[in-house]
Amino acid sequence: LCRQAAEVAGQSELVACTGSSSGDGLVLLLFLGARRPVPVTVQHLSSAATWWNGAADLLLQQLRQVQRNQLLTLDAHNDGPNEAARFTALYSTSIPGDGELRLQYRALNVEM
């Protein structure tokens, strides 16, 4: 799924990305803007842990190689209510970077 998303994101501006699991399997929705005048190569990183903060921390460690302007989108998902928390990042080093990414997160949770 991530390889297919990277191919699509290399051809068009990526506005947002979200994923989910359903009875039919996994789905990854890409919201696209204008077609890129010159296609770029898009790579992906992913992390998984038993809790969301752990998965987010792992992804931030992996994203150290990515600069500002190169990160295209992040997605949080899991494969079921009792499955691992997962994050996916799409990025492109074909796009000129603009210094350190300096990414952090804040976890907000609502008990249902």
C-alpha atoms as a PDB file:
ATOM      1  CA  LEU A   1       0.000   0.000   0.000  1.00  0.00           C
ATOM      2  CA  CYS A   2       2.788   2.450   0.890  1.00  0.00           C
ATOM      3  CA  ARG A   3       4.644   1.757  -2.357  1.00  0.00           C
ATOM      4  CA  GLN A   4       1.490   2.479  -4.358  1.00  0.00           C
ATOM      5  CA  ALA A   5       0.906   5.682  -2.367  1.00  0.00           C
ATOM      6  CA  ALA A   6       4.502   6.784  -3.009  1.00  0.00           C
ATOM      7  CA  GLU A   7       4.013   6.325  -6.768  1.00  0.00           C
ATOM      8  CA  VAL A   8       0.830   8.407  -6.774  1.00  0.00           C
ATOM      9  CA  ALA A   9       2.320  11.119  -4.517  1.00  0.00           C
ATOM     10  CA  GLY A  10       5.294  11.439  -6.839  1.00  0.00           C
ATOM     11  CA  GLN A  11       2.997  12.469  -9.679  1.00  0.00           C
ATOM     12  CA  SER A  12       0.669  14.919  -7.891  1.00  0.00           C
ATOM     13  CA  GLU A  13       0.781  17.317  -4.963  1.00  0.00           C
ATOM     14  CA  LEU A  14      -0.241  15.403  -1.841  1.00  0.00           C
ATOM     15  CA  VAL A  15      -2.613  17.377   0.384  1.00  0.00           C
ATOM     16  CA  ALA A  16      -3.461  14.739   3.006  1.00  0.00           C
ATOM     17  CA  CYS A  17      -3.400  11.018   3.665  1.00  0.00           C
ATOM     18  CA  THR A  18      -5.419   8.810   5.997  1.00  0.00           C
ATOM     19  CA  GLY A  19      -5.750   5.072   6.496  1.00  0.00           C
ATOM     20  CA  SER A  20      -8.126   2.640   8.107  1.00  0.00           C
ATOM     21  CA  SER A  21      -8.999  -1.012   8.365  1.00  0.00           C
ATOM     22  CA  SER A  22     -12.382  -2.428   7.486  1.00  0.00           C
ATOM     23  CA  GLY A  23     -14.046  -5.757   6.810  1.00  0.00           C
ATOM     24  CA  ASP A  24     -12.646  -5.520   3.276  1.00  0.00           C
ATOM     25  CA  GLY A  25      -9.038  -5.047   4.429  1.00  0.00           C
ATOM     26  CA  LEU A  26      -6.850  -1.966   4.633  1.00  0.00           C
ATOM     27  CA  VAL A  27      -7.506   1.301   2.827  1.00  0.00           C
ATOM     28  CA  LEU A  28      -5.247   4.315   2.335  1.00  0.00           C
ATOM     29  CA  LEU A  29      -6.900   7.473   1.022  1.00  0.00           C
ATOM     30  CA  LEU A  30      -4.736  10.092  -0.676  1.00  0.00           C
ATOM     31  CA  PHE A  31      -6.165  13.568  -1.193  1.00  0.00           C
ATOM     32  CA  LEU A  32      -4.361  15.058  -4.178  1.00  0.00           C
ATOM     33  CA  GLY A  33      -3.892  18.558  -5.530  1.00  0.00           C
ATOM     34  CA  ALA A  34      -2.399  19.644  -8.834  1.00  0.00           C
ATOM     35  CA  ARG A  35      -0.265  17.356 -10.960  1.00  0.00           C
ATOM     36  CA  ARG A  36       3.460  17.944 -10.417  1.00  0.00           C
ATOM     37  CA  PRO A  37       5.224  19.562 -13.409  1.00  0.00           C
ATOM     38  CA  VAL A  38       8.190  17.265 -12.713  1.00  0.00           C
ATOM     39  CA  PRO A  39       7.551  13.967 -10.886  1.00  0.00           C
ATOM     40  CA  VAL A  40       9.508  13.391  -7.668  1.00  0.00           C
ATOM     41  CA  THR A  41      10.668  10.209  -6.005  1.00  0.00           C
ATOM     42  CA  VAL A  42       8.695   9.517  -2.823  1.00  0.00           C
ATOM     43  CA  GLN A  43       9.893   7.247  -0.018  1.00  0.00           C
ATOM     44  CA  HIS A  44       8.031   5.992   3.037  1.00  0.00           C
ATOM     45  CA  LEU A  45       8.837   5.218   6.643  1.00  0.00           C
ATOM     46  CA  SER A  46       6.663   3.349   9.105  1.00  0.00           C
ATOM     47  CA  SER A  47       6.608   2.531  12.791  1.00  0.00           C
ATOM     48  CA  ALA A  48       4.539   0.294  15.034  1.00  0.00           C
ATOM     49  CA  ALA A  49       4.253  -0.151  18.802  1.00  0.00           C
ATOM     50  CA  THR A  50       1.738  -1.351  21.348  1.00  0.00           C
ATOM     51  CA  TRP A  51       0.754   2.272  22.143  1.00  0.00           C
ATOM     52  CA  TRP A  52       0.472   5.471  20.074  1.00  0.00           C
ATOM     53  CA  ASN A  53       3.210   7.430  21.861  1.00  0.00           C
ATOM     54  CA  GLY A  54       5.684   4.595  21.333  1.00  0.00           C
ATOM     55  CA  ALA A  55       4.901   4.399  17.620  1.00  0.00           C
ATOM     56  CA  ALA A  56       5.152   8.198  17.306  1.00  0.00           C
ATOM     57  CA  ASP A  57       8.528   8.254  19.096  1.00  0.00           C
ATOM     58  CA  LEU A  58       9.871   5.566  16.745  1.00  0.00           C
ATOM     59  CA  LEU A  59       8.703   7.509  13.682  1.00  0.00           C
ATOM     60  CA  LEU A  60      10.305  10.735  14.919  1.00  0.00           C
ATOM     61  CA  GLN A  61      13.622   8.902  15.284  1.00  0.00           C
ATOM     62  CA  GLN A  62      13.371   7.663  11.696  1.00  0.00           C
ATOM     63  CA  LEU A  63      12.435  11.117  10.382  1.00  0.00           C
ATOM     64  CA  ARG A  64      15.766  12.618  11.474  1.00  0.00           C
ATOM     65  CA  GLN A  65      17.007  12.117   7.897  1.00  0.00           C
ATOM     66  CA  VAL A  66      14.171  14.256   6.488  1.00  0.00           C
ATOM     67  CA  GLN A  67      14.355  18.057   6.255  1.00  0.00           C
ATOM     68  CA  ARG A  68      11.668  20.743   6.348  1.00  0.00           C
ATOM     69  CA  ASN A  69       9.659  20.866   3.073  1.00  0.00           C
ATOM     70  CA  GLN A  70      10.459  17.198   2.317  1.00  0.00           C
ATOM     71  CA  LEU A  71       7.789  15.639   4.556  1.00  0.00           C
ATOM     72  CA  LEU A  72       4.641  15.187   2.477  1.00  0.00           C
ATOM     73  CA  THR A  73       2.208  13.573   4.918  1.00  0.00           C
ATOM     74  CA  LEU A  74       1.794  11.476   8.057  1.00  0.00           C
ATOM     75  CA  ASP A  75      -0.845   8.862   8.765  1.00  0.00           C
ATOM     76  CA  ALA A  76      -1.888   7.124  11.995  1.00  0.00           C
ATOM     77  CA  HIS A  77      -3.798   3.847  11.843  1.00  0.00           C
ATOM     78  CA  ASN A  78      -4.062   0.324  13.161  1.00  0.00           C
ATOM     79  CA  ASP A  79      -5.368  -2.970  11.829  1.00  0.00           C
ATOM     80  CA  GLY A  80      -8.026  -3.433  14.538  1.00  0.00           C
ATOM     81  CA  PRO A  81      -8.957  -2.307  18.056  1.00  0.00           C
ATOM     82  CA  ASN A  82      -6.466  -4.654  19.737  1.00  0.00           C
ATOM     83  CA  GLU A  83      -3.684  -4.303  17.146  1.00  0.00           C
ATOM     84  CA  ALA A  84      -0.480  -2.259  17.147  1.00  0.00           C
ATOM     85  CA  ALA A  85      -0.542   1.509  16.717  1.00  0.00           C
ATOM     86  CA  ARG A  86       1.034   2.392  13.362  1.00  0.00           C
ATOM     87  CA  PHE A  87       2.352   5.542  11.710  1.00  0.00           C
ATOM     88  CA  THR A  88       3.397   6.019   8.105  1.00  0.00           C
ATOM     89  CA  ALA A  89       5.266   9.007   6.657  1.00  0.00           C
ATOM     90  CA  LEU A  90       5.672   9.848   2.979  1.00  0.00           C
ATOM     91  CA  TYR A  91       8.579  12.137   2.099  1.00  0.00           C
ATOM     92  CA  SER A  92      10.778  13.114  -0.819  1.00  0.00           C
ATOM     93  CA  THR A  93      14.465  13.980  -0.757  1.00  0.00           C
ATOM     94  CA  SER A  94      13.997  15.034  -4.411  1.00  0.00           C
ATOM     95  CA  ILE A  95      12.391  18.192  -3.013  1.00  0.00           C
ATOM     96  CA  PRO A  96      14.981  20.672  -1.695  1.00  0.00           C
ATOM     97  CA  GLY A  97      15.141  20.669   2.101  1.00  0.00           C
ATOM     98  CA  ASP A  98      15.058  23.796   4.245  1.00  0.00           C
ATOM     99  CA  GLY A  99      16.874  22.814   7.420  1.00  0.00           C
ATOM    100  CA  GLU A 100      16.021  20.600  10.356  1.00  0.00           C
ATOM    101  CA  LEU A 101      12.445  19.239  10.456  1.00  0.00           C
ATOM    102  CA  ARG A 102      11.959  19.892  14.231  1.00  0.00           C
ATOM    103  CA  LEU A 103       8.841  17.755  14.387  1.00  0.00           C
ATOM    104  CA  GLN A 104       7.105  16.955  17.670  1.00  0.00           C
ATOM    105  CA  TYR A 105       3.678  15.660  18.637  1.00  0.00           C
ATOM    106  CA  ARG A 106       1.040  15.993  21.300  1.00  0.00           C
ATOM    107  CA  ALA A 107      -1.249  13.047  22.047  1.00  0.00           C
ATOM    108  CA  LEU A 108      -4.900  13.864  22.725  1.00  0.00           C
ATOM    109  CA  ASN A 109      -7.233  11.081  23.797  1.00  0.00           C
ATOM    110  CA  VAL A 110     -10.963  10.817  24.403  1.00  0.00           C
ATOM    111  CA  GLU A 111     -12.264   7.778  26.255  1.00  0.00           C
ATOM    112  CA  MET A 112     -15.396   6.359  24.660  1.00  0.00           C
END
